[in-house]
Full PDB file with SEQRES, HELIX, SHEET, SSBOND, CRYST1, ORIGX, SCALE, CONECT and MASTER records, all heavy atoms in Angstrom:
SEQRES   1 A   41  VAL GLU VAL PRO PRO ARG LEU PRO ALA VAL HIS LEU ASP          
SEQRES   2 A   41  ALA ILE LEU LEU PRO HIS ALA LEU ILE ASN VAL LEU ASP          
SEQRES   3 A   41  ASN ALA ALA LYS TYR SER PRO PRO GLY THR PRO ILE GLU          
SEQRES   4 A   41  ILE THR                                                      
HELIX    1 AA1 LEU A   16  LYS A   30  1                                  15    
CRYST1    1.000    1.000    1.000  90.00  90.00  90.00 P 1           1          
ORIGX1      1.000000  0.000000  0.000000        0.00000                         
ORIGX2      0.000000  1.000000  0.000000        0.00000                         
ORIGX3      0.000000  0.000000  1.000000        0.00000                         
SCALE1      1.000000  0.000000  0.000000        0.00000                         
SCALE2      0.000000  1.000000  0.000000        0.00000                         
SCALE3      0.000000  0.000000  1.000000        0.00000                         
ATOM      1  N   VAL A   1      38.411 -51.144 115.002  1.00  0.00           N  
ATOM      2  CA  VAL A   1      37.450 -51.198 116.105  1.00  0.00           C  
ATOM      3  C   VAL A   1      37.417 -52.619 116.634  1.00  0.00           C  
ATOM      4  O   VAL A   1      37.151 -53.563 115.883  1.00  0.00           O  
ATOM      5  CB  VAL A   1      36.034 -50.768 115.647  1.00  0.00           C  
ATOM      6  CG1 VAL A   1      35.055 -50.840 116.821  1.00  0.00           C  
ATOM      7  CG2 VAL A   1      36.068 -49.364 115.055  1.00  0.00           C  
ATOM      8  N   GLU A   2      37.710 -52.790 117.916  1.00  0.00           N  
ATOM      9  CA  GLU A   2      37.709 -54.108 118.542  1.00  0.00           C  
ATOM     10  C   GLU A   2      36.714 -54.110 119.706  1.00  0.00           C  
ATOM     11  O   GLU A   2      36.928 -53.453 120.721  1.00  0.00           O  
ATOM     12  CB  GLU A   2      39.107 -54.471 119.035  1.00  0.00           C  
ATOM     13  CG  GLU A   2      40.149 -54.601 117.920  1.00  0.00           C  
ATOM     14  CD  GLU A   2      41.509 -55.013 118.440  1.00  0.00           C  
ATOM     15  OE1 GLU A   2      41.588 -55.367 119.648  1.00  0.00           O  
ATOM     16  OE2 GLU A   2      42.478 -54.976 117.670  1.00  0.00           O  
ATOM     17  N   VAL A   3      35.634 -54.844 119.514  1.00  0.00           N  
ATOM     18  CA  VAL A   3      34.585 -54.928 120.530  1.00  0.00           C  
ATOM     19  C   VAL A   3      34.256 -56.401 120.750  1.00  0.00           C  
ATOM     20  O   VAL A   3      34.015 -57.135 119.782  1.00  0.00           O  
ATOM     21  CB  VAL A   3      33.309 -54.177 120.087  1.00  0.00           C  
ATOM     22  CG1 VAL A   3      32.227 -54.276 121.158  1.00  0.00           C  
ATOM     23  CG2 VAL A   3      33.633 -52.718 119.797  1.00  0.00           C  
ATOM     24  N   PRO A   4      34.268 -56.880 121.988  1.00  0.00           N  
ATOM     25  CA  PRO A   4      33.928 -58.285 122.232  1.00  0.00           C  
ATOM     26  C   PRO A   4      32.492 -58.580 121.814  1.00  0.00           C  
ATOM     27  O   PRO A   4      31.617 -57.719 121.915  1.00  0.00           O  
ATOM     28  CB  PRO A   4      34.121 -58.436 123.748  1.00  0.00           C  
ATOM     29  CG  PRO A   4      34.078 -57.056 124.300  1.00  0.00           C  
ATOM     30  CD  PRO A   4      34.595 -56.156 123.223  1.00  0.00           C  
ATOM     31  N   PRO A   5      32.220 -59.790 121.336  1.00  0.00           N  
ATOM     32  CA  PRO A   5      30.895 -60.104 120.786  1.00  0.00           C  
ATOM     33  C   PRO A   5      29.755 -60.025 121.789  1.00  0.00           C  
ATOM     34  O   PRO A   5      28.612 -59.797 121.408  1.00  0.00           O  
ATOM     35  CB  PRO A   5      31.072 -61.534 120.252  1.00  0.00           C  
ATOM     36  CG  PRO A   5      32.262 -62.083 120.978  1.00  0.00           C  
ATOM     37  CD  PRO A   5      33.158 -60.921 121.234  1.00  0.00           C  
ATOM     38  N   ARG A   6      30.039 -60.213 123.056  1.00  0.00           N  
ATOM     39  CA  ARG A   6      28.966 -60.223 124.056  1.00  0.00           C  
ATOM     40  C   ARG A   6      29.026 -59.012 124.977  1.00  0.00           C  
ATOM     41  O   ARG A   6      28.646 -59.083 126.148  1.00  0.00           O  
ATOM     42  CB  ARG A   6      29.037 -61.510 124.879  1.00  0.00           C  
ATOM     43  CG  ARG A   6      28.788 -62.765 124.054  1.00  0.00           C  
ATOM     44  CD  ARG A   6      28.764 -64.003 124.912  1.00  0.00           C  
ATOM     45  NE  ARG A   6      28.530 -65.207 124.120  1.00  0.00           N  
ATOM     46  CZ  ARG A   6      28.460 -66.431 124.608  1.00  0.00           C  
ATOM     47  NH1 ARG A   6      28.625 -66.624 125.928  1.00  0.00           N  
ATOM     48  NH2 ARG A   6      28.244 -67.478 123.816  1.00  0.00           N  
ATOM     49  N   LEU A   7      29.456 -57.902 124.456  1.00  0.00           N  
ATOM     50  CA  LEU A   7      29.507 -56.677 125.259  1.00  0.00           C  
ATOM     51  C   LEU A   7      28.083 -56.269 125.645  1.00  0.00           C  
ATOM     52  O   LEU A   7      27.195 -56.181 124.778  1.00  0.00           O  
ATOM     53  CB  LEU A   7      30.164 -55.544 124.465  1.00  0.00           C  
ATOM     54  CG  LEU A   7      30.489 -54.275 125.249  1.00  0.00           C  
ATOM     55  CD1 LEU A   7      31.619 -54.546 126.233  1.00  0.00           C  
ATOM     56  CD2 LEU A   7      30.877 -53.154 124.297  1.00  0.00           C  
ATOM     57  N   PRO A   8      27.826 -56.018 126.921  1.00  0.00           N  
ATOM     58  CA  PRO A   8      26.459 -55.647 127.337  1.00  0.00           C  
ATOM     59  C   PRO A   8      26.009 -54.336 126.697  1.00  0.00           C  
ATOM     60  O   PRO A   8      26.816 -53.473 126.350  1.00  0.00           O  
ATOM     61  CB  PRO A   8      26.593 -55.484 128.864  1.00  0.00           C  
ATOM     62  CG  PRO A   8      27.844 -56.213 129.236  1.00  0.00           C  
ATOM     63  CD  PRO A   8      28.754 -56.095 128.060  1.00  0.00           C  
ATOM     64  N   ALA A   9      24.696 -54.196 126.536  1.00  0.00           N  
ATOM     65  CA  ALA A   9      24.122 -52.940 126.046  1.00  0.00           C  
ATOM     66  C   ALA A   9      24.364 -51.843 127.079  1.00  0.00           C  
ATOM     67  O   ALA A   9      24.423 -52.102 128.287  1.00  0.00           O  
ATOM     68  CB  ALA A   9      22.635 -53.103 125.779  1.00  0.00           C  
ATOM     69  N   VAL A  10      24.524 -50.613 126.587  1.00  0.00           N  
ATOM     70  CA  VAL A  10      24.805 -49.471 127.453  1.00  0.00           C  
ATOM     71  C   VAL A  10      23.692 -48.445 127.289  1.00  0.00           C  
ATOM     72  O   VAL A  10      23.241 -48.182 126.173  1.00  0.00           O  
ATOM     73  CB  VAL A  10      26.161 -48.828 127.093  1.00  0.00           C  
ATOM     74  CG1 VAL A  10      26.471 -47.669 128.029  1.00  0.00           C  
ATOM     75  CG2 VAL A  10      27.272 -49.868 127.146  1.00  0.00           C  
ATOM     76  N   HIS A  11      23.230 -47.868 128.406  1.00  0.00           N  
ATOM     77  CA  HIS A  11      22.260 -46.785 128.331  1.00  0.00           C  
ATOM     78  C   HIS A  11      22.965 -45.518 127.846  1.00  0.00           C  
ATOM     79  O   HIS A  11      23.870 -45.016 128.516  1.00  0.00           O  
ATOM     80  CB  HIS A  11      21.619 -46.522 129.711  1.00  0.00           C  
ATOM     81  CG  HIS A  11      20.491 -47.439 130.017  1.00  0.00           C  
ATOM     82  ND1 HIS A  11      20.676 -48.682 130.563  1.00  0.00           N  
ATOM     83  CD2 HIS A  11      19.144 -47.299 129.833  1.00  0.00           C  
ATOM     84  CE1 HIS A  11      19.505 -49.280 130.726  1.00  0.00           C  
ATOM     85  NE2 HIS A  11      18.555 -48.470 130.287  1.00  0.00           N  
ATOM     86  N   LEU A  12      22.574 -45.046 126.675  1.00  0.00           N  
ATOM     87  CA  LEU A  12      23.208 -43.847 126.138  1.00  0.00           C  
ATOM     88  C   LEU A  12      22.243 -43.079 125.250  1.00  0.00           C  
ATOM     89  O   LEU A  12      21.266 -43.625 124.749  1.00  0.00           O  
ATOM     90  CB  LEU A  12      24.483 -44.216 125.369  1.00  0.00           C  
ATOM     91  CG  LEU A  12      24.370 -45.227 124.223  1.00  0.00           C  
ATOM     92  CD1 LEU A  12      23.998 -44.556 122.917  1.00  0.00           C  
ATOM     93  CD2 LEU A  12      25.695 -45.971 124.050  1.00  0.00           C  
ATOM     94  N   ASP A  13      22.536 -41.806 125.104  1.00  0.00           N  
ATOM     95  CA  ASP A  13      21.780 -40.949 124.204  1.00  0.00           C  
ATOM     96  C   ASP A  13      22.337 -41.153 122.798  1.00  0.00           C  
ATOM     97  O   ASP A  13      23.528 -40.938 122.555  1.00  0.00           O  
ATOM     98  CB  ASP A  13      21.917 -39.483 124.626  1.00  0.00           C  
ATOM     99  CG  ASP A  13      21.026 -38.558 123.819  1.00  0.00           C  
ATOM    100  OD1 ASP A  13      21.270 -38.427 122.603  1.00  0.00           O  
ATOM    101  OD2 ASP A  13      20.115 -37.947 124.404  1.00  0.00           O  
ATOM    102  N   ALA A  14      21.476 -41.561 121.870  1.00  0.00           N  
ATOM    103  CA  ALA A  14      21.915 -41.955 120.531  1.00  0.00           C  
ATOM    104  C   ALA A  14      22.439 -40.794 119.693  1.00  0.00           C  
ATOM    105  O   ALA A  14      23.002 -41.013 118.621  1.00  0.00           O  
ATOM    106  CB  ALA A  14      20.779 -42.646 119.794  1.00  0.00           C  
ATOM    107  N   ILE A  15      22.252 -39.564 120.162  1.00  0.00           N  
ATOM    108  CA  ILE A  15      22.774 -38.398 119.452  1.00  0.00           C  
ATOM    109  C   ILE A  15      23.984 -37.822 120.179  1.00  0.00           C  
ATOM    110  O   ILE A  15      25.022 -37.545 119.574  1.00  0.00           O  
ATOM    111  CB  ILE A  15      21.683 -37.315 119.293  1.00  0.00           C  
ATOM    112  CG1 ILE A  15      20.566 -37.835 118.391  1.00  0.00           C  
ATOM    113  CG2 ILE A  15      22.281 -36.032 118.702  1.00  0.00           C  
ATOM    114  CD1 ILE A  15      19.398 -36.881 118.249  1.00  0.00           C  
ATOM    115  N   LEU A  16      23.879 -37.677 121.492  1.00  0.00           N  
ATOM    116  CA  LEU A  16      24.938 -37.011 122.249  1.00  0.00           C  
ATOM    117  C   LEU A  16      26.211 -37.845 122.353  1.00  0.00           C  
ATOM    118  O   LEU A  16      27.312 -37.334 122.112  1.00  0.00           O  
ATOM    119  CB  LEU A  16      24.437 -36.656 123.650  1.00  0.00           C  
ATOM    120  CG  LEU A  16      23.395 -35.535 123.731  1.00  0.00           C  
ATOM    121  CD1 LEU A  16      22.911 -35.364 125.164  1.00  0.00           C  
ATOM    122  CD2 LEU A  16      23.991 -34.229 123.218  1.00  0.00           C  
ATOM    123  N   LEU A  17      26.093 -39.125 122.730  1.00  0.00           N  
ATOM    124  CA  LEU A  17      27.315 -39.903 122.918  1.00  0.00           C  
ATOM    125  C   LEU A  17      28.099 -40.079 121.612  1.00  0.00           C  
ATOM    126  O   LEU A  17      29.323 -39.929 121.617  1.00  0.00           O  
ATOM    127  CB  LEU A  17      27.023 -41.257 123.549  1.00  0.00           C  
ATOM    128  CG  LEU A  17      28.315 -41.988 123.949  1.00  0.00           C  
ATOM    129  CD1 LEU A  17      29.011 -41.273 125.104  1.00  0.00           C  
ATOM    130  CD2 LEU A  17      28.066 -43.433 124.303  1.00  0.00           C  
ATOM    131  N   PRO A  18      27.453 -40.385 120.488  1.00  0.00           N  
ATOM    132  CA  PRO A  18      28.232 -40.430 119.243  1.00  0.00           C  
ATOM    133  C   PRO A  18      28.968 -39.127 118.963  1.00  0.00           C  
ATOM    134  O   PRO A  18      30.082 -39.144 118.434  1.00  0.00           O  
ATOM    135  CB  PRO A  18      27.165 -40.712 118.175  1.00  0.00           C  
ATOM    136  CG  PRO A  18      26.102 -41.452 118.905  1.00  0.00           C  
ATOM    137  CD  PRO A  18      26.071 -40.830 120.270  1.00  0.00           C  
ATOM    138  N   HIS A  19      28.358 -38.010 119.317  1.00  0.00           N  
ATOM    139  CA  HIS A  19      29.021 -36.720 119.102  1.00  0.00           C  
ATOM    140  C   HIS A  19      30.285 -36.613 119.946  1.00  0.00           C  
ATOM    141  O   HIS A  19      31.315 -36.108 119.488  1.00  0.00           O  
ATOM    142  CB  HIS A  19      28.059 -35.582 119.436  1.00  0.00           C  
ATOM    143  CG  HIS A  19      28.601 -34.227 119.094  1.00  0.00           C  
ATOM    144  ND1 HIS A  19      29.124 -33.926 117.860  1.00  0.00           N  
ATOM    145  CD2 HIS A  19      28.733 -33.097 119.830  1.00  0.00           C  
ATOM    146  CE1 HIS A  19      29.539 -32.675 117.841  1.00  0.00           C  
ATOM    147  NE2 HIS A  19      29.316 -32.155 119.034  1.00  0.00           N  
ATOM    148  N   ALA A  20      30.231 -37.120 121.182  1.00  0.00           N  
ATOM    149  CA  ALA A  20      31.423 -37.125 122.038  1.00  0.00           C  
ATOM    150  C   ALA A  20      32.513 -37.996 121.422  1.00  0.00           C  
ATOM    151  O   ALA A  20      33.688 -37.612 121.386  1.00  0.00           O  
ATOM    152  CB  ALA A  20      31.066 -37.627 123.434  1.00  0.00           C  
ATOM    153  N   LEU A  21      32.138 -39.162 120.920  1.00  0.00           N  
ATOM    154  CA  LEU A  21      33.116 -40.057 120.296  1.00  0.00           C  
ATOM    155  C   LEU A  21      33.718 -39.437 119.044  1.00  0.00           C  
ATOM    156  O   LEU A  21      34.923 -39.560 118.790  1.00  0.00           O  
ATOM    157  CB  LEU A  21      32.441 -41.385 119.945  1.00  0.00           C  
ATOM    158  CG  LEU A  21      32.046 -42.268 121.133  1.00  0.00           C  
ATOM    159  CD1 LEU A  21      31.160 -43.416 120.660  1.00  0.00           C  
ATOM    160  CD2 LEU A  21      33.285 -42.802 121.833  1.00  0.00           C  
ATOM    161  N   ILE A  22      32.893 -38.752 118.259  1.00  0.00           N  
ATOM    162  CA  ILE A  22      33.384 -38.079 117.058  1.00  0.00           C  
ATOM    163  C   ILE A  22      34.422 -37.024 117.430  1.00  0.00           C  
ATOM    164  O   ILE A  22      35.461 -36.894 116.778  1.00  0.00           O  
ATOM    165  CB  ILE A  22      32.206 -37.459 116.279  1.00  0.00           C  
ATOM    166  CG1 ILE A  22      31.394 -38.569 115.599  1.00  0.00           C  
ATOM    167  CG2 ILE A  22      32.694 -36.444 115.247  1.00  0.00           C  
ATOM    168  CD1 ILE A  22      30.070 -38.109 115.053  1.00  0.00           C  
ATOM    169  N   ASN A  23      34.172 -36.272 118.494  1.00  0.00           N  
ATOM    170  CA  ASN A  23      35.134 -35.260 118.938  1.00  0.00           C  
ATOM    171  C   ASN A  23      36.462 -35.896 119.352  1.00  0.00           C  
ATOM    172  O   ASN A  23      37.544 -35.371 119.051  1.00  0.00           O  
ATOM    173  CB  ASN A  23      34.562 -34.454 120.095  1.00  0.00           C  
ATOM    174  CG  ASN A  23      33.526 -33.437 119.650  1.00  0.00           C  
ATOM    175  OD1 ASN A  23      33.252 -33.299 118.458  1.00  0.00           O  
ATOM    176  ND2 ASN A  23      32.941 -32.739 120.593  1.00  0.00           N  
ATOM    177  N   VAL A  24      36.386 -37.024 120.057  1.00  0.00           N  
ATOM    178  CA  VAL A  24      37.608 -37.702 120.500  1.00  0.00           C  
ATOM    179  C   VAL A  24      38.380 -38.242 119.301  1.00  0.00           C  
ATOM    180  O   VAL A  24      39.611 -38.099 119.208  1.00  0.00           O  
ATOM    181  CB  VAL A  24      37.267 -38.838 121.490  1.00  0.00           C  
ATOM    182  CG1 VAL A  24      38.518 -39.662 121.812  1.00  0.00           C  
ATOM    183  CG2 VAL A  24      36.681 -38.264 122.777  1.00  0.00           C  
ATOM    184  N   LEU A  25      37.672 -38.860 118.355  1.00  0.00           N  
ATOM    185  CA  LEU A  25      38.316 -39.395 117.154  1.00  0.00           C  
ATOM    186  C   LEU A  25      38.934 -38.282 116.307  1.00  0.00           C  
ATOM    187  O   LEU A  25      40.039 -38.421 115.779  1.00  0.00           O  
ATOM    188  CB  LEU A  25      37.298 -40.178 116.322  1.00  0.00           C  
ATOM    189  CG  LEU A  25      36.965 -41.586 116.794  1.00  0.00           C  
ATOM    190  CD1 LEU A  25      35.763 -42.128 116.013  1.00  0.00           C  
ATOM    191  CD2 LEU A  25      38.161 -42.499 116.608  1.00  0.00           C  
ATOM    192  N   ASP A  26      38.206 -37.185 116.168  1.00  0.00           N  
ATOM    193  CA  ASP A  26      38.706 -36.050 115.393  1.00  0.00           C  
ATOM    194  C   ASP A  26      39.989 -35.518 116.026  1.00  0.00           C  
ATOM    195  O   ASP A  26      40.952 -35.178 115.335  1.00  0.00           O  
ATOM    196  CB  ASP A  26      37.643 -34.961 115.335  1.00  0.00           C  
ATOM    197  CG  ASP A  26      38.093 -33.762 114.510  1.00  0.00           C  
ATOM    198  OD1 ASP A  26      38.356 -33.927 113.310  1.00  0.00           O  
ATOM    199  OD2 ASP A  26      38.179 -32.653 115.067  1.00  0.00           O  
ATOM    200  N   ASN A  27      40.027 -35.472 117.345  1.00  0.00           N  
ATOM    201  CA  ASN A  27      41.217 -34.996 118.049  1.00  0.00           C  
ATOM    202  C   ASN A  27      42.389 -35.951 117.832  1.00  0.00           C  
ATOM    203  O   ASN A  27      43.529 -35.523 117.630  1.00  0.00           O  
ATOM    204  CB  ASN A  27      40.904 -34.862 119.538  1.00  0.00           C  
ATOM    205  CG  ASN A  27      41.908 -34.007 120.272  1.00  0.00           C  
ATOM    206  OD1 ASN A  27      41.915 -32.795 120.169  1.00  0.00           O  
ATOM    207  ND2 ASN A  27      42.783 -34.657 121.026  1.00  0.00           N  
ATOM    208  N   ALA A  28      42.113 -37.260 117.862  1.00  0.00           N  
ATOM    209  CA  ALA A  28      43.170 -38.249 117.640  1.00  0.00           C  
ATOM    210  C   ALA A  28      43.756 -38.110 116.244  1.00  0.00           C  
ATOM    211  O   ALA A  28      44.984 -38.187 116.059  1.00  0.00           O  
ATOM    212  CB  ALA A  28      42.615 -39.660 117.839  1.00  0.00           C  
ATOM    213  N   ALA A  29      42.903 -37.890 115.247  1.00  0.00           N  
ATOM    214  CA  ALA A  29      43.383 -37.722 113.872  1.00  0.00           C  
ATOM    215  C   ALA A  29      44.178 -36.433 113.727  1.00  0.00           C  
ATOM    216  O   ALA A  29      45.192 -36.382 113.018  1.00  0.00           O  
ATOM    217  CB  ALA A  29      42.200 -37.730 112.903  1.00  0.00           C  
ATOM    218  N   LYS A  30      43.725 -35.400 114.425  1.00  0.00           N  
ATOM    219  CA  LYS A  30      44.373 -34.088 114.314  1.00  0.00           C  
ATOM    220  C   LYS A  30      45.791 -34.093 114.888  1.00  0.00           C  
ATOM    221  O   LYS A  30      46.680 -33.396 114.386  1.00  0.00           O  
ATOM    222  CB  LYS A  30      43.503 -33.059 115.042  1.00  0.00           C  
ATOM    223  CG  LYS A  30      43.897 -31.611 114.826  1.00  0.00           C  
ATOM    224  CD  LYS A  30      42.935 -30.698 115.601  1.00  0.00           C  
ATOM    225  CE  LYS A  30      41.522 -30.808 115.078  1.00  0.00           C  
ATOM    226  NZ  LYS A  30      40.590 -29.931 115.816  1.00  0.00           N  
ATOM    227  N   TYR A  31      46.004 -34.888 115.933  1.00  0.00           N  
ATOM    228  CA  TYR A  31      47.291 -34.873 116.619  1.00  0.00           C  
ATOM    229  C   TYR A  31      48.161 -36.087 116.294  1.00  0.00           C  
ATOM    230  O   TYR A  31      49.071 -36.408 117.059  1.00  0.00           O  
ATOM    231  CB  TYR A  31      47.074 -34.786 118.130  1.00  0.00           C  
ATOM    232  CG  TYR A  31      46.727 -33.394 118.602  1.00  0.00           C  
ATOM    233  CD1 TYR A  31      45.407 -32.989 118.690  1.00  0.00           C  
ATOM    234  CD2 TYR A  31      47.725 -32.481 118.929  1.00  0.00           C  
ATOM    235  CE1 TYR A  31      45.076 -31.692 119.102  1.00  0.00           C  
ATOM    236  CE2 TYR A  31      47.415 -31.202 119.347  1.00  0.00           C  
ATOM    237  CZ  TYR A  31      46.088 -30.817 119.436  1.00  0.00           C  
ATOM    238  OH  TYR A  31      45.768 -29.534 119.838  1.00  0.00           O  
ATOM    239  N   SER A  32      47.891 -36.773 115.191  1.00  0.00           N  
ATOM    240  CA  SER A  32      48.747 -37.884 114.786  1.00  0.00           C  
ATOM    241  C   SER A  32      49.041 -37.789 113.292  1.00  0.00           C  
ATOM    242  O   SER A  32      48.216 -37.277 112.529  1.00  0.00           O  
ATOM    243  CB  SER A  32      48.088 -39.226 115.127  1.00  0.00           C  
ATOM    244  OG  SER A  32      46.805 -39.331 114.547  1.00  0.00           O  
ATOM    245  N   PRO A  33      50.200 -38.249 112.861  1.00  0.00           N  
ATOM    246  CA  PRO A  33      50.595 -38.115 111.461  1.00  0.00           C  
ATOM    247  C   PRO A  33      49.644 -38.846 110.523  1.00  0.00           C  
ATOM    248  O   PRO A  33      49.067 -39.880 110.900  1.00  0.00           O  
ATOM    249  CB  PRO A  33      51.994 -38.753 111.426  1.00  0.00           C  
ATOM    250  CG  PRO A  33      52.472 -38.726 112.839  1.00  0.00           C  
ATOM    251  CD  PRO A  33      51.243 -38.872 113.685  1.00  0.00           C  
ATOM    252  N   PRO A  34      49.454 -38.348 109.299  1.00  0.00           N  
ATOM    253  CA  PRO A  34      48.610 -39.032 108.315  1.00  0.00           C  
ATOM    254  C   PRO A  34      49.087 -40.464 108.090  1.00  0.00           C  
ATOM    255  O   PRO A  34      50.290 -40.739 108.071  1.00  0.00           O  
ATOM    256  CB  PRO A  34      48.791 -38.189 107.045  1.00  0.00           C  
ATOM    257  CG  PRO A  34      49.216 -36.848 107.531  1.00  0.00           C  
ATOM    258  CD  PRO A  34      50.032 -37.099 108.764  1.00  0.00           C  
ATOM    259  N   GLY A  35      48.138 -41.366 107.960  1.00  0.00           N  
ATOM    260  CA  GLY A  35      48.489 -42.759 107.695  1.00  0.00           C  
ATOM    261  C   GLY A  35      48.704 -43.605 108.914  1.00  0.00           C  
ATOM    262  O   GLY A  35      48.710 -44.837 108.825  1.00  0.00           O  
ATOM    263  N   THR A  36      48.907 -42.985 110.080  1.00  0.00           N  
ATOM    264  CA  THR A  36      49.087 -43.778 111.299  1.00  0.00           C  
ATOM    265  C   THR A  36      47.732 -44.245 111.811  1.00  0.00           C  
ATOM    266  O   THR A  36      46.729 -43.546 111.682  1.00  0.00           O  
ATOM    267  CB  THR A  36      49.802 -42.966 112.394  1.00  0.00           C  
ATOM    268  OG1 THR A  36      49.054 -41.767 112.665  1.00  0.00           O  
ATOM    269  CG2 THR A  36      51.205 -42.590 111.960  1.00  0.00           C  
ATOM    270  N   PRO A  37      47.679 -45.442 112.394  1.00  0.00           N  
ATOM    271  CA  PRO A  37      46.380 -46.006 112.774  1.00  0.00           C  
ATOM    272  C   PRO A  37      45.791 -45.403 114.044  1.00  0.00           C  
ATOM    273  O   PRO A  37      46.508 -44.862 114.886  1.00  0.00           O  
ATOM    274  CB  PRO A  37      46.705 -47.486 112.990  1.00  0.00           C  
ATOM    275  CG  PRO A  37      48.139 -47.497 113.408  1.00  0.00           C  
ATOM    276  CD  PRO A  37      48.794 -46.378 112.633  1.00  0.00           C  
ATOM    277  N   ILE A  38      44.492 -45.511 114.132  1.00  0.00           N  
ATOM    278  CA  ILE A  38      43.760 -45.202 115.355  1.00  0.00           C  
ATOM    279  C   ILE A  38      43.046 -46.484 115.772  1.00  0.00           C  
ATOM    280  O   ILE A  38      42.400 -47.133 114.953  1.00  0.00           O  
ATOM    281  CB  ILE A  38      42.749 -44.066 115.140  1.00  0.00           C  
ATOM    282  CG1 ILE A  38      43.488 -42.759 114.833  1.00  0.00           C  
ATOM    283  CG2 ILE A  38      41.854 -43.884 116.378  1.00  0.00           C  
ATOM    284  CD1 ILE A  38      42.561 -41.604 114.493  1.00  0.00           C  
ATOM    285  N   GLU A  39      43.190 -46.838 117.026  1.00  0.00           N  
ATOM    286  CA  GLU A  39      42.619 -48.086 117.526  1.00  0.00           C  
ATOM    287  C   GLU A  39      41.535 -47.787 118.550  1.00  0.00           C  
ATOM    288  O   GLU A  39      41.764 -47.056 119.517  1.00  0.00           O  
ATOM    289  CB  GLU A  39      43.725 -48.949 118.137  1.00  0.00           C  
ATOM    290  CG  GLU A  39      44.791 -49.362 117.122  1.00  0.00           C  
ATOM    291  CD  GLU A  39      46.128 -49.653 117.760  1.00  0.00           C  
ATOM    292  OE1 GLU A  39      46.225 -49.517 119.008  1.00  0.00           O  
ATOM    293  OE2 GLU A  39      47.070 -49.987 117.039  1.00  0.00           O  
ATOM    294  N   ILE A  40      40.355 -48.358 118.331  1.00  0.00           N  
ATOM    295  CA  ILE A  40      39.215 -48.134 119.219  1.00  0.00           C  
ATOM    296  C   ILE A  40      38.844 -49.469 119.851  1.00  0.00           C  
ATOM    297  O   ILE A  40      38.627 -50.463 119.142  1.00  0.00           O  
ATOM    298  CB  ILE A  40      38.010 -47.575 118.439  1.00  0.00           C  
ATOM    299  CG1 ILE A  40      38.417 -46.313 117.673  1.00  0.00           C  
ATOM    300  CG2 ILE A  40      36.846 -47.274 119.374  1.00  0.00           C  
ATOM    301  CD1 ILE A  40      37.380 -45.877 116.659  1.00  0.00           C  
ATOM    302  N   THR A  41      38.792 -49.497 121.163  1.00  0.00           N  
ATOM    303  CA  THR A  41      38.451 -50.721 121.875  1.00  0.00           C  
ATOM    304  C   THR A  41      37.303 -50.449 122.848  1.00  0.00           C  
ATOM    305  O   THR A  41      37.046 -49.302 123.233  1.00  0.00           O  
ATOM    306  CB  THR A  41      39.658 -51.259 122.652  1.00  0.00           C  
ATOM    307  OG1 THR A  41      40.108 -50.244 123.585  1.00  0.00           O  
ATOM    308  CG2 THR A  41      40.802 -51.613 121.709  1.00  0.00           C  
TER     309      THR A  41                                                      
MASTER        0    0    0    1    0    0    0    6  308    1    0    4          
END                                                                             
């Protein structure tokens, strides 16, 4: 996970948006070989 230290705060729903990110991450893991990295920026 690479996030700049001064990234502005974002208006988001603390339950819904994490769920969207979890779905995207789960999809990335599902469609890539075990052991290969996932990079989040």
